[in-house]
Each structure stands twice: as structure tokens, then as C-alpha cells.
Amino acid sequence: MDMRPQGARLRWRPLPWFLELVSILAGYGLYSLVRLLAPHRVVASYDNASLVLGIERAIGLFPELALNTFLIQYHWLVDFASYWYATAHFVVTPGVLIWLFVRHGWAYSLLRSALVIATVSALVVYATWPLAPPRFVVAGAVDTVTENPVIWAKEGAAAFVNEFAAMPSLHVGWAVWCAIAVVVVLRSPWRHLAWLYPATTTWVVMATANHYVLDAVGGTLVVLVPLYLCGLRARDLWWSPAQEAETILSAPGAEAGTAGRRGATGASLV
């Protein structure tokens, strides 16, 4: 019996590995195309940026320029942040997806389904609420990724991206998702070091003047809400389903063996 019925209708079971790979690649290609083709409403994006900046200043939370000013003083740090921004987003998330599918299939369905829903939700916002990033509107901000070109973030790359899709930050959102995936499926207390990944990513996206702090908040929420709707609960971040299954299996009278372990674990999130 499914021990985690919450959100069952929003998640779908894994396909055979080849079909799963094809569907994810096709989905990412569609995501990139839709984001690129979303209307580049420049005037609206600048108006929205003024609104975001006004909110941040009103609540006393405007760290973007200070972080950017600090960053550009150190060339090695600029290199680090630029490479992190241009690569980690596209390497770590697919890597975690593959790791979940191969090693932790019992959690793959919920986590993958939530990631897809989060990404589609972000696309809706990109298409309906364009937002110019800090590097375009904050006086004195330096776009370190293009000023210090790395890999594909070179001159001409802007033609292949929507530069007015700052809210929500999926760099942050996907990084939060990766950390949650690691925390949920592993048992070691060291698993919480995974939170350093979204923390670093949040610093990078603001220091490089690509996102506001509210973009990071939006990226976090756009991931947390689908995770909750798909059945994940806050307790899973501290007492993981993997630990719960192991405790159940070690109790007196519990069924022993690998098959029993897989069954109890698989019932938690799939």
C-alpha cells in the first residue's frame, strides 16, 4: 500500500530508462525554446524591475550591488562565479536526476515530477511577467559573465537566451531541488552539506548581477510548492524516508532482507 498518498495524482511513475531520457531531453529542449520565444517586452521588463527594486529597498534588502562590487575586485572570484553560473546549472541538475533514477528509484517519481511542474510554472511566469536583471537596470552593476566570457557565455550568446526572464531564478530553484533530493534520499548527517550548493548559487546569481534577491526567493518557492503538492513534507528533510524505512525494517518482527528494504523504502515516495 502507498504510504505517501499525498500528491499521488501529480506525479507519474518512471518510464523505461531510454524513454525517460528522451522525454527529459525533449522537455528541456521545449523549455529552452519556449523561454527563448517568450515575448521580449523590454519596457514592461524595466517597469517590473523598478517594482522589484522598490520592494527590496522598502524592506531594506538590496544586496545585489554590494555583492557585485565586492566580486569584481577579485579576478579569480569572477572566474569562479562566471563558470559556476554558466555550467553548474546545466551539469548538476541532470546529474542528480540520473543518480536518482539509477540509485534511488524509490524517490525518483516524486522528485522528478515536482521538478517538471516547477519548470513549467517558471515558464508561465517568464512568458507573462518579464523582468530585466540587475545588470541592465542597477547603476554600477557589472555583468561579469559576459565581461569575462566563459564557454558559451560569449559575445553573440544573448541571441540564444531570453535576457528578460529573471523571475523566478531557476538557477536557484534547481539548486534547491538538488539539495532537497540529496537530503531526502541519503541517511548520513553529512547530507546536509548539500545546502551549500543552493547557498553558493544564490550568492553567484546576485553577485554576477543576473538576479535579484527576490528572484532567488521566487525560484525557491516555485520548487517548494510542487514538492509539497507531490507529497514531500518538511519532516522528510530532517528524518528522511530512507531513515524511516531503515528504522521500520530494524524493528522486532520486521521483514528482513533486501526485498523488504526496497519495498518499505519504495512505498515512501513513489
Protein backbone atom coordinates (compact mmCIF):
# COMPACT_ATOMS: atom_id res chain seq x y z
CA MET A 1 0.00 0.00 0.00
CA ASP A 2 1.23 3.52 -0.82
CA MET A 3 2.42 5.12 2.42
CA ARG A 4 2.60 8.57 0.82
CA PRO A 5 -0.77 9.12 -0.95
CA GLN A 6 -0.49 12.93 -0.80
CA GLY A 7 0.13 14.33 -4.25
CA ALA A 8 -0.11 10.95 -5.96
CA ARG A 9 -2.15 12.41 -8.82
CA LEU A 10 0.55 14.97 -9.61
CA ARG A 11 3.40 12.51 -10.01
CA TRP A 12 3.92 9.80 -12.55
CA ARG A 13 5.95 6.64 -12.43
CA PRO A 14 9.30 6.35 -14.24
CA LEU A 15 9.38 5.18 -17.82
CA PRO A 16 11.98 2.70 -19.11
CA TRP A 17 15.36 4.42 -18.96
CA PHE A 18 15.56 5.17 -22.69
CA LEU A 19 12.11 6.72 -22.86
CA GLU A 20 12.75 8.61 -19.64
CA LEU A 21 15.96 10.07 -21.11
CA VAL A 22 14.28 11.00 -24.38
CA SER A 23 11.34 12.63 -22.59
CA ILE A 24 13.62 14.68 -20.32
CA LEU A 25 15.81 15.83 -23.22
CA ALA A 26 12.74 16.71 -25.28
CA GLY A 27 11.22 18.52 -22.33
CA TYR A 28 14.37 20.54 -21.73
CA GLY A 29 14.57 21.39 -25.43
CA LEU A 30 10.97 22.59 -25.34
CA TYR A 31 11.67 24.58 -22.17
CA SER A 32 14.64 26.31 -23.82
CA LEU A 33 12.63 27.05 -26.97
CA VAL A 34 9.61 28.43 -25.14
CA ARG A 35 11.82 30.57 -22.90
CA LEU A 36 13.67 31.92 -25.95
CA LEU A 37 10.48 32.64 -27.89
CA ALA A 38 8.67 34.28 -24.97
CA PRO A 39 7.93 37.92 -25.84
CA HIS A 40 10.87 40.19 -25.04
CA ARG A 41 8.78 43.07 -23.72
CA VAL A 42 11.58 45.46 -22.86
CA VAL A 43 9.50 48.32 -21.47
CA ALA A 44 7.43 46.00 -19.27
CA SER A 45 10.58 44.22 -18.07
CA TYR A 46 12.14 47.51 -16.95
CA ASP A 47 8.91 48.58 -15.26
CA ASN A 48 8.82 45.28 -13.39
CA ALA A 49 12.47 45.72 -12.43
CA SER A 50 11.63 49.11 -10.92
CA LEU A 51 8.87 47.41 -8.92
CA VAL A 52 11.20 44.69 -7.64
CA LEU A 53 13.89 47.19 -6.71
CA GLY A 54 11.32 49.35 -4.96
CA ILE A 55 10.13 46.40 -2.87
CA GLU A 56 13.67 45.37 -1.97
CA ARG A 57 14.65 48.88 -0.92
CA ALA A 58 11.42 49.33 1.02
CA ILE A 59 12.16 46.26 3.12
CA GLY A 60 15.88 47.07 3.40
CA LEU A 61 17.00 44.07 1.36
CA PHE A 62 19.12 45.21 -1.60
CA PRO A 63 22.41 43.27 -1.58
CA GLU A 64 22.94 42.90 -5.34
CA LEU A 65 25.15 45.94 -5.98
CA ALA A 66 27.28 45.39 -2.87
CA LEU A 67 27.86 41.75 -3.79
CA ASN A 68 28.70 42.68 -7.37
CA THR A 69 31.10 45.43 -6.27
CA PHE A 70 32.87 43.00 -3.95
CA LEU A 71 33.08 40.31 -6.64
CA ILE A 72 34.72 42.43 -9.34
CA GLN A 73 37.65 43.26 -7.03
CA TYR A 74 38.98 39.69 -7.32
CA HIS A 75 39.64 38.27 -10.75
CA TRP A 76 39.86 34.68 -9.52
CA LEU A 77 36.49 35.06 -7.82
CA VAL A 78 34.99 36.50 -11.00
CA ASP A 79 36.25 33.44 -12.88
CA PHE A 80 34.78 31.12 -10.26
CA ALA A 81 31.38 32.85 -10.23
CA SER A 82 31.20 33.09 -14.01
CA TYR A 83 31.99 29.42 -14.56
CA TRP A 84 29.62 28.41 -11.77
CA TYR A 85 26.79 30.44 -13.32
CA ALA A 86 27.42 29.16 -16.83
CA THR A 87 27.95 25.48 -16.05
CA ALA A 88 26.68 24.17 -12.70
CA HIS A 89 23.03 24.80 -13.60
CA PHE A 90 23.33 22.56 -16.66
CA VAL A 91 25.51 19.82 -15.15
CA VAL A 92 24.42 19.24 -11.55
CA THR A 93 20.66 19.00 -12.11
CA PRO A 94 20.86 16.37 -14.90
CA GLY A 95 23.49 14.56 -12.83
CA VAL A 96 21.18 14.39 -9.81
CA LEU A 97 18.31 13.19 -11.99
CA ILE A 98 20.44 10.36 -13.39
CA TRP A 99 21.70 9.46 -9.91
CA LEU A 100 18.14 9.29 -8.58
CA PHE A 101 16.96 7.16 -11.48
CA VAL A 102 19.85 4.70 -11.23
CA ARG A 103 20.44 4.51 -7.46
CA HIS A 104 17.31 5.79 -5.74
CA GLY A 105 14.40 4.92 -7.96
CA TRP A 106 12.03 4.84 -4.99
CA ALA A 107 12.28 8.65 -4.74
CA TYR A 108 12.64 9.46 -8.45
CA SER A 109 8.95 9.72 -9.29
CA LEU A 110 8.10 12.40 -6.75
CA LEU A 111 11.26 14.44 -7.20
CA ARG A 112 11.26 14.34 -11.00
CA SER A 113 7.56 15.16 -11.21
CA ALA A 114 7.99 18.16 -8.91
CA LEU A 115 10.95 19.41 -10.95
CA VAL A 116 8.94 19.26 -14.18
CA ILE A 117 5.99 21.08 -12.62
CA ALA A 118 8.31 23.75 -11.19
CA THR A 119 9.99 24.31 -14.55
CA VAL A 120 6.68 24.61 -16.41
CA SER A 121 5.41 27.04 -13.75
CA ALA A 122 8.53 29.18 -14.20
CA LEU A 123 7.94 29.26 -17.96
CA VAL A 124 4.48 30.67 -17.38
CA VAL A 125 5.97 33.49 -15.33
CA TYR A 126 8.67 34.18 -17.93
CA ALA A 127 6.04 34.48 -20.64
CA THR A 128 3.66 36.68 -18.67
CA TRP A 129 5.89 38.76 -16.37
CA PRO A 130 9.20 39.74 -18.00
CA LEU A 131 11.86 41.13 -15.70
CA ALA A 132 15.11 42.88 -16.61
CA PRO A 133 18.06 41.64 -14.50
CA PRO A 134 20.14 43.91 -12.23
CA ARG A 135 22.94 44.14 -14.80
CA PHE A 136 20.57 46.12 -17.03
CA VAL A 137 18.99 48.47 -14.51
CA VAL A 138 21.23 48.87 -11.46
CA ALA A 139 23.72 51.70 -11.95
CA GLY A 140 27.27 50.49 -11.47
CA ALA A 141 26.47 46.76 -11.79
CA VAL A 142 28.87 44.78 -13.97
CA ASP A 143 27.75 41.71 -15.91
CA THR A 144 30.74 39.56 -15.02
CA VAL A 145 29.62 36.55 -17.06
CA THR A 146 29.76 38.42 -20.38
CA GLU A 147 32.57 40.79 -19.36
CA ASN A 148 34.63 37.72 -18.52
CA PRO A 149 33.33 35.30 -21.20
CA VAL A 150 33.23 31.63 -20.28
CA ILE A 151 32.31 28.74 -22.56
CA TRP A 152 29.03 29.66 -24.31
CA ALA A 153 28.56 32.95 -22.43
CA LYS A 154 30.39 34.86 -25.12
CA GLU A 155 29.57 37.68 -27.49
CA GLY A 156 26.50 36.74 -29.50
CA ALA A 157 25.17 34.33 -26.91
CA ALA A 158 22.41 36.79 -26.00
CA ALA A 159 20.69 35.90 -29.27
CA PHE A 160 20.05 32.42 -27.88
CA VAL A 161 18.64 33.33 -24.46
CA ASN A 162 15.79 35.40 -23.09
CA GLU A 163 17.55 38.10 -21.12
CA PHE A 164 14.31 39.31 -19.58
CA ALA A 165 13.47 36.07 -17.75
CA ALA A 166 14.93 36.83 -14.34
CA MET A 167 11.94 35.90 -12.17
CA PRO A 168 11.96 33.25 -10.84
CA SER A 169 15.61 32.22 -10.78
CA LEU A 170 15.71 28.59 -11.86
CA HIS A 171 19.43 28.62 -11.17
CA VAL A 172 18.44 28.91 -7.52
CA GLY A 173 15.30 26.81 -7.84
CA TRP A 174 17.01 23.85 -9.46
CA ALA A 175 19.88 24.11 -6.95
CA VAL A 176 17.38 23.96 -4.07
CA TRP A 177 15.76 20.94 -5.73
CA CYS A 178 19.15 19.21 -6.00
CA ALA A 179 19.90 19.80 -2.32
CA ILE A 180 16.49 18.52 -1.26
CA ALA A 181 16.94 15.40 -3.41
CA VAL A 182 20.26 14.62 -1.72
CA VAL A 183 18.91 15.30 1.78
CA VAL A 184 15.82 13.17 1.23
CA VAL A 185 17.48 10.06 -0.20
CA LEU A 186 20.65 9.84 1.89
CA ARG A 187 20.91 8.84 5.54
CA SER A 188 24.25 10.34 6.57
CA PRO A 189 24.14 13.54 8.64
CA TRP A 190 26.71 14.87 6.17
CA ARG A 191 23.95 15.01 3.56
CA HIS A 192 23.03 18.48 4.83
CA LEU A 193 26.23 19.82 3.29
CA ALA A 194 24.20 19.73 0.07
CA TRP A 195 22.62 23.01 1.18
CA LEU A 196 25.93 24.69 0.33
CA TYR A 197 25.07 24.24 -3.34
CA PRO A 198 21.93 26.44 -3.41
CA ALA A 199 23.58 28.85 -0.96
CA THR A 200 26.56 29.30 -3.29
CA THR A 201 24.31 29.50 -6.34
CA THR A 202 22.22 32.22 -4.70
CA TRP A 203 25.35 34.23 -3.99
CA VAL A 204 26.61 33.71 -7.54
CA VAL A 205 23.43 34.78 -9.34
CA MET A 206 23.26 38.00 -7.33
CA ALA A 207 26.99 38.78 -7.34
CA THR A 208 27.13 38.40 -11.14
CA ALA A 209 24.19 40.86 -11.39
CA ASN A 210 21.96 38.33 -13.12
CA HIS A 211 19.26 38.09 -10.45
CA TYR A 212 17.68 39.98 -7.59
CA VAL A 213 17.30 38.50 -4.14
CA LEU A 214 13.54 38.30 -4.81
CA ASP A 215 14.29 36.18 -7.89
CA ALA A 216 16.05 33.74 -5.58
CA VAL A 217 13.04 33.71 -3.28
CA GLY A 218 10.77 33.12 -6.26
CA GLY A 219 12.98 30.30 -7.54
CA THR A 220 12.88 28.63 -4.14
CA LEU A 221 9.11 28.89 -3.86
CA VAL A 222 8.50 27.66 -7.40
CA VAL A 223 10.27 24.43 -6.41
CA LEU A 224 8.99 24.04 -2.84
CA VAL A 225 5.32 24.30 -3.77
CA PRO A 226 5.36 21.46 -6.35
CA LEU A 227 7.42 19.31 -3.97
CA TYR A 228 4.77 19.78 -1.31
CA LEU A 229 1.91 19.17 -3.74
CA CYS A 230 3.61 15.99 -4.94
CA GLY A 231 3.79 14.66 -1.40
CA LEU A 232 7.07 15.81 0.19
CA ARG A 233 6.82 17.13 3.73
CA ALA A 234 9.20 19.22 5.85
CA ARG A 235 9.89 16.26 8.15
CA ASP A 236 11.47 14.45 5.19
CA LEU A 237 14.33 16.96 5.24
CA TRP A 238 15.32 16.03 8.79
CA TRP A 239 14.09 12.47 9.14
CA SER A 240 14.45 11.16 5.61
CA PRO A 241 12.20 8.42 4.16
CA ALA A 242 15.37 6.32 3.80
CA GLN A 243 15.96 6.55 7.57
CA GLU A 244 12.30 5.85 8.28
CA ALA A 245 12.38 2.71 6.15
CA GLU A 246 15.57 1.52 7.83
CA THR A 247 14.03 2.05 11.28
CA ILE A 248 10.91 0.11 10.31
CA LEU A 249 12.98 -2.75 8.94
CA SER A 250 15.13 -2.95 12.09
CA ALA A 251 12.14 -3.16 14.41
CA PRO A 252 11.36 -6.54 16.09
CA GLY A 253 9.30 -8.71 13.79
CA ALA A 254 10.02 -6.62 10.71
CA GLU A 255 10.67 -8.42 7.48
CA ALA A 256 14.39 -8.69 6.79
CA GLY A 257 16.25 -8.83 3.54
CA THR A 258 16.91 -6.64 0.55
CA ALA A 259 13.48 -7.16 -0.96
CA GLY A 260 11.82 -6.00 2.24
CA ARG A 261 14.10 -2.96 2.41
CA ARG A 262 13.25 -1.95 -1.13
CA GLY A 263 9.56 -2.44 -0.55
CA ALA A 264 9.43 -0.32 2.58
CA THR A 265 11.57 2.39 1.05
CA GLY A 266 9.78 2.40 -2.26
CA ALA A 267 6.44 2.87 -0.54
CA SER A 268 7.57 6.16 0.96
CA LEU A 269 7.67 8.48 -2.04
CA VAL A 270 6.70 6.65 -5.18
